[in-house]
Amino acid sequence: MYAIIKCGGKQYKVSEGDIIDIDYTGKAAKETLEITDVLAVNNGELKTGSAVEKAKVEAVVVLDGTGVNRDKKVVIYKKRRRKRF
């Protein structure tokens, strides 16, 4: 069984137990995220449109992105001559 969901303007094919990387949702780690934008569900037969209007996907946030390591900011400078600018 799998479902195609829409989250953050992107579409993802998910099934039970999958780990996916999505954009920032504002949820903290270990919180439950409920996604109601389900585009298709395949449970032996593919269902789309009005057949999946009430379907939803529940997910648990594993990493919230606040503790992600980032490098120092790189400053780019373009040297120009003193004449003709």
Protein backbone atom coordinates (compact mmCIF):
# COMPACT_ATOMS: atom_id res chain seq x y z
CA MET A 1 0.00 0.00 0.00
CA TYR A 2 1.25 3.46 -0.84
CA ALA A 3 -0.10 7.00 -1.07
CA ILE A 4 0.88 10.08 -3.01
CA ILE A 5 0.76 13.18 -0.82
CA LYS A 6 1.29 16.88 -1.40
CA CYS A 7 3.30 18.76 1.20
CA GLY A 8 4.97 22.14 0.76
CA GLY A 9 4.13 22.35 -2.94
CA LYS A 10 5.86 19.04 -3.70
CA GLN A 11 4.49 15.54 -4.19
CA TYR A 12 5.84 12.47 -2.41
CA LYS A 13 5.14 8.77 -2.79
CA VAL A 14 4.99 7.32 0.73
CA SER A 15 4.20 4.02 2.35
CA GLU A 16 4.15 2.89 5.96
CA GLY A 17 7.54 3.17 7.65
CA ASP A 18 9.11 5.50 5.06
CA ILE A 19 11.36 8.38 6.08
CA ILE A 20 11.08 11.41 3.78
CA ASP A 21 12.75 14.82 3.80
CA ILE A 22 10.21 17.65 3.49
CA ASP A 23 10.40 21.41 3.85
CA TYR A 24 9.96 23.21 7.18
CA THR A 25 6.55 22.59 8.75
CA GLY A 26 6.85 24.44 12.06
CA LYS A 27 6.52 21.26 14.11
CA ALA A 28 9.03 20.21 16.76
CA ALA A 29 10.70 16.80 16.85
CA LYS A 30 8.51 13.85 17.91
CA GLU A 31 5.27 15.76 17.17
CA THR A 32 2.57 14.27 14.98
CA LEU A 33 1.98 15.84 11.58
CA GLU A 34 -1.35 15.24 9.82
CA ILE A 35 -1.32 15.61 6.04
CA THR A 36 -4.75 15.88 4.42
CA ASP A 37 -3.61 16.64 0.85
CA VAL A 38 -3.71 13.03 -0.38
CA LEU A 39 -3.72 12.80 -4.16
CA ALA A 40 -3.86 9.02 -4.64
CA VAL A 41 -4.03 5.80 -2.63
CA ASN A 42 -3.10 2.35 -3.91
CA ASN A 43 -4.32 -0.57 -1.83
CA GLY A 44 -4.56 -3.20 -4.52
CA GLU A 45 -6.39 -0.75 -6.79
CA LEU A 46 -5.54 2.89 -7.45
CA LYS A 47 -8.00 5.47 -6.08
CA THR A 48 -7.82 9.16 -6.99
CA GLY A 49 -10.00 12.26 -6.97
CA SER A 50 -13.18 12.24 -4.89
CA ALA A 51 -12.50 8.68 -3.68
CA VAL A 52 -9.63 9.97 -1.50
CA GLU A 53 -11.12 13.29 -0.30
CA LYS A 54 -11.35 12.10 3.31
CA ALA A 55 -8.04 10.25 3.34
CA LYS A 56 -5.21 11.53 5.51
CA VAL A 57 -1.65 10.57 6.32
CA GLU A 58 -0.24 10.81 9.83
CA ALA A 59 3.51 11.26 10.24
CA VAL A 60 5.94 11.81 13.10
CA VAL A 61 8.60 14.53 12.81
CA VAL A 62 12.02 12.95 13.30
CA LEU A 63 14.26 16.02 12.95
CA ASP A 64 12.88 19.56 13.03
CA GLY A 65 15.82 21.28 11.33
CA THR A 66 16.77 23.63 14.16
CA GLY A 67 19.88 21.67 15.10
CA VAL A 68 21.22 21.28 11.57
CA ASN A 69 24.90 22.13 11.31
CA ARG A 70 25.72 24.91 8.88
CA ASP A 71 29.05 26.26 7.69
CA LYS A 72 30.16 29.84 8.15
CA LYS A 73 28.62 32.35 5.79
CA VAL A 74 30.80 32.98 2.74
CA VAL A 75 31.30 36.64 1.82
CA ILE A 76 31.83 37.24 -1.89
CA TYR A 77 33.53 40.47 -2.89
CA LYS A 78 34.28 41.66 -6.41
CA LYS A 79 37.21 44.07 -6.65
CA ARG A 80 36.68 46.96 -9.05
CA ARG A 81 39.09 49.50 -10.37
CA ARG A 82 38.74 53.07 -9.19
CA LYS A 83 38.21 54.37 -12.72
CA ARG A 84 35.19 53.99 -14.98
CA PHE A 85 32.56 52.74 -12.56
